[in-house]
Amino acid sequence: MSRAPPRRGTNDGASRREVRTDVLIASTAVLGVATAVVGVFFTEWSGRGSERSGLRTAPSLGLRDGGLQVGVVRSF
């Protein structure tokens, strides 16, 4: 039994959806990286008044259990 070749319109619709999905994934990744950059480099982690209270706040980044761990550390 021979199969008929797929219709052209069906493949074009699938290709457009694939491109749309790729663009959405790339956009999400770019926005995620931009958020991380702003959080790490442009955020004043010490805040106002930290000198008076003796609290220190800093971002932390590390590897744990085979994954990336991001957090905030507060110390006296």
C-alpha atoms as a PDB file:
ATOM      1  CA  MET A   1       0.000   0.000   0.000  1.00  0.00           C
ATOM      2  CA  SER A   2       1.512   3.291  -1.031  1.00  0.00           C
ATOM      3  CA  ARG A   3       1.030   6.492   0.889  1.00  0.00           C
ATOM      4  CA  ALA A   4       0.087   9.728  -0.722  1.00  0.00           C
ATOM      5  CA  PRO A   5       2.608  12.522  -0.264  1.00  0.00           C
ATOM      6  CA  PRO A   6       1.636  15.054   2.423  1.00  0.00           C
ATOM      7  CA  ARG A   7      -0.213  18.090   1.229  1.00  0.00           C
ATOM      8  CA  ARG A   8       1.787  21.306   0.961  1.00  0.00           C
ATOM      9  CA  GLY A   9      -0.596  23.401   3.116  1.00  0.00           C
ATOM     10  CA  THR A  10      -0.257  21.038   6.080  1.00  0.00           C
ATOM     11  CA  ASN A  11       3.535  21.298   6.134  1.00  0.00           C
ATOM     12  CA  ASP A  12       3.486  25.099   5.847  1.00  0.00           C
ATOM     13  CA  GLY A  13       1.223  25.391   8.886  1.00  0.00           C
ATOM     14  CA  ALA A  14       3.450  23.092  10.900  1.00  0.00           C
ATOM     15  CA  SER A  15       6.542  25.049   9.867  1.00  0.00           C
ATOM     16  CA  ARG A  16       4.964  28.345  10.932  1.00  0.00           C
ATOM     17  CA  ARG A  17       4.037  26.885  14.310  1.00  0.00           C
ATOM     18  CA  GLU A  18       7.544  25.507  14.741  1.00  0.00           C
ATOM     19  CA  VAL A  19       9.110  28.901  13.963  1.00  0.00           C
ATOM     20  CA  ARG A  20       6.667  30.618  16.341  1.00  0.00           C
ATOM     21  CA  THR A  21       7.570  28.188  19.118  1.00  0.00           C
ATOM     22  CA  ASP A  22      11.301  28.664  18.499  1.00  0.00           C
ATOM     23  CA  VAL A  23      10.890  32.454  18.678  1.00  0.00           C
ATOM     24  CA  LEU A  24       8.924  32.191  21.935  1.00  0.00           C
ATOM     25  CA  ILE A  25      11.552  29.910  23.491  1.00  0.00           C
ATOM     26  CA  ALA A  26      14.396  32.221  22.418  1.00  0.00           C
ATOM     27  CA  SER A  27      12.521  35.287  23.718  1.00  0.00           C
ATOM     28  CA  THR A  28      11.948  33.608  27.068  1.00  0.00           C
ATOM     29  CA  ALA A  29      15.624  32.690  27.332  1.00  0.00           C
ATOM     30  CA  VAL A  30      16.752  36.243  26.481  1.00  0.00           C
ATOM     31  CA  LEU A  31      14.367  37.766  29.029  1.00  0.00           C
ATOM     32  CA  GLY A  32      15.540  35.284  31.663  1.00  0.00           C
ATOM     33  CA  VAL A  33      19.180  36.182  31.092  1.00  0.00           C
ATOM     34  CA  ALA A  34      18.340  39.904  31.136  1.00  0.00           C
ATOM     35  CA  THR A  35      16.525  39.460  34.458  1.00  0.00           C
ATOM     36  CA  ALA A  36      19.510  37.636  35.940  1.00  0.00           C
ATOM     37  CA  VAL A  37      21.931  40.326  34.730  1.00  0.00           C
ATOM     38  CA  VAL A  38      19.815  43.097  36.259  1.00  0.00           C
ATOM     39  CA  GLY A  39      19.495  41.156  39.501  1.00  0.00           C
ATOM     40  CA  VAL A  40      23.202  40.406  39.830  1.00  0.00           C
ATOM     41  CA  PHE A  41      24.862  43.527  38.441  1.00  0.00           C
ATOM     42  CA  PHE A  42      22.386  46.414  38.798  1.00  0.00           C
ATOM     43  CA  THR A  43      20.636  45.708  42.092  1.00  0.00           C
ATOM     44  CA  GLU A  44      21.876  47.472  45.199  1.00  0.00           C
ATOM     45  CA  TRP A  45      21.892  44.434  47.465  1.00  0.00           C
ATOM     46  CA  SER A  46      23.139  46.252  50.548  1.00  0.00           C
ATOM     47  CA  GLY A  47      20.179  48.638  50.556  1.00  0.00           C
ATOM     48  CA  ARG A  48      19.852  51.868  52.476  1.00  0.00           C
ATOM     49  CA  GLY A  49      20.537  51.741  56.156  1.00  0.00           C
ATOM     50  CA  SER A  50      22.429  48.461  56.079  1.00  0.00           C
ATOM     51  CA  GLU A  51      25.496  50.223  57.456  1.00  0.00           C
ATOM     52  CA  ARG A  52      23.495  51.232  60.546  1.00  0.00           C
ATOM     53  CA  SER A  53      21.861  47.863  61.132  1.00  0.00           C
ATOM     54  CA  GLY A  54      24.983  45.793  60.490  1.00  0.00           C
ATOM     55  CA  LEU A  55      23.166  43.544  57.988  1.00  0.00           C
ATOM     56  CA  ARG A  56      24.864  42.616  54.747  1.00  0.00           C
ATOM     57  CA  THR A  57      22.948  41.181  51.788  1.00  0.00           C
ATOM     58  CA  ALA A  58      24.611  39.628  48.732  1.00  0.00           C
ATOM     59  CA  PRO A  59      23.590  37.406  45.836  1.00  0.00           C
ATOM     60  CA  SER A  60      24.895  33.839  45.785  1.00  0.00           C
ATOM     61  CA  LEU A  61      25.448  31.481  42.888  1.00  0.00           C
ATOM     62  CA  GLY A  62      26.677  27.893  43.012  1.00  0.00           C
ATOM     63  CA  LEU A  63      26.401  24.317  41.842  1.00  0.00           C
ATOM     64  CA  ARG A  64      24.515  21.840  43.990  1.00  0.00           C
ATOM     65  CA  ASP A  65      23.255  18.320  43.291  1.00  0.00           C
ATOM     66  CA  GLY A  66      24.136  18.631  39.620  1.00  0.00           C
ATOM     67  CA  GLY A  67      22.205  21.882  39.154  1.00  0.00           C
ATOM     68  CA  LEU A  68      22.576  25.628  39.439  1.00  0.00           C
ATOM     69  CA  GLN A  69      21.574  27.283  42.714  1.00  0.00           C
ATOM     70  CA  VAL A  70      20.790  31.010  42.863  1.00  0.00           C
ATOM     71  CA  GLY A  71      19.987  32.783  46.100  1.00  0.00           C
ATOM     72  CA  VAL A  72      20.436  35.713  48.444  1.00  0.00           C
ATOM     73  CA  VAL A  73      22.626  35.561  51.545  1.00  0.00           C
ATOM     74  CA  ARG A  74      22.086  37.834  54.561  1.00  0.00           C
ATOM     75  CA  SER A  75      24.685  38.131  57.284  1.00  0.00           C
ATOM     76  CA  PHE A  76      25.380  40.276  60.343  1.00  0.00           C
END
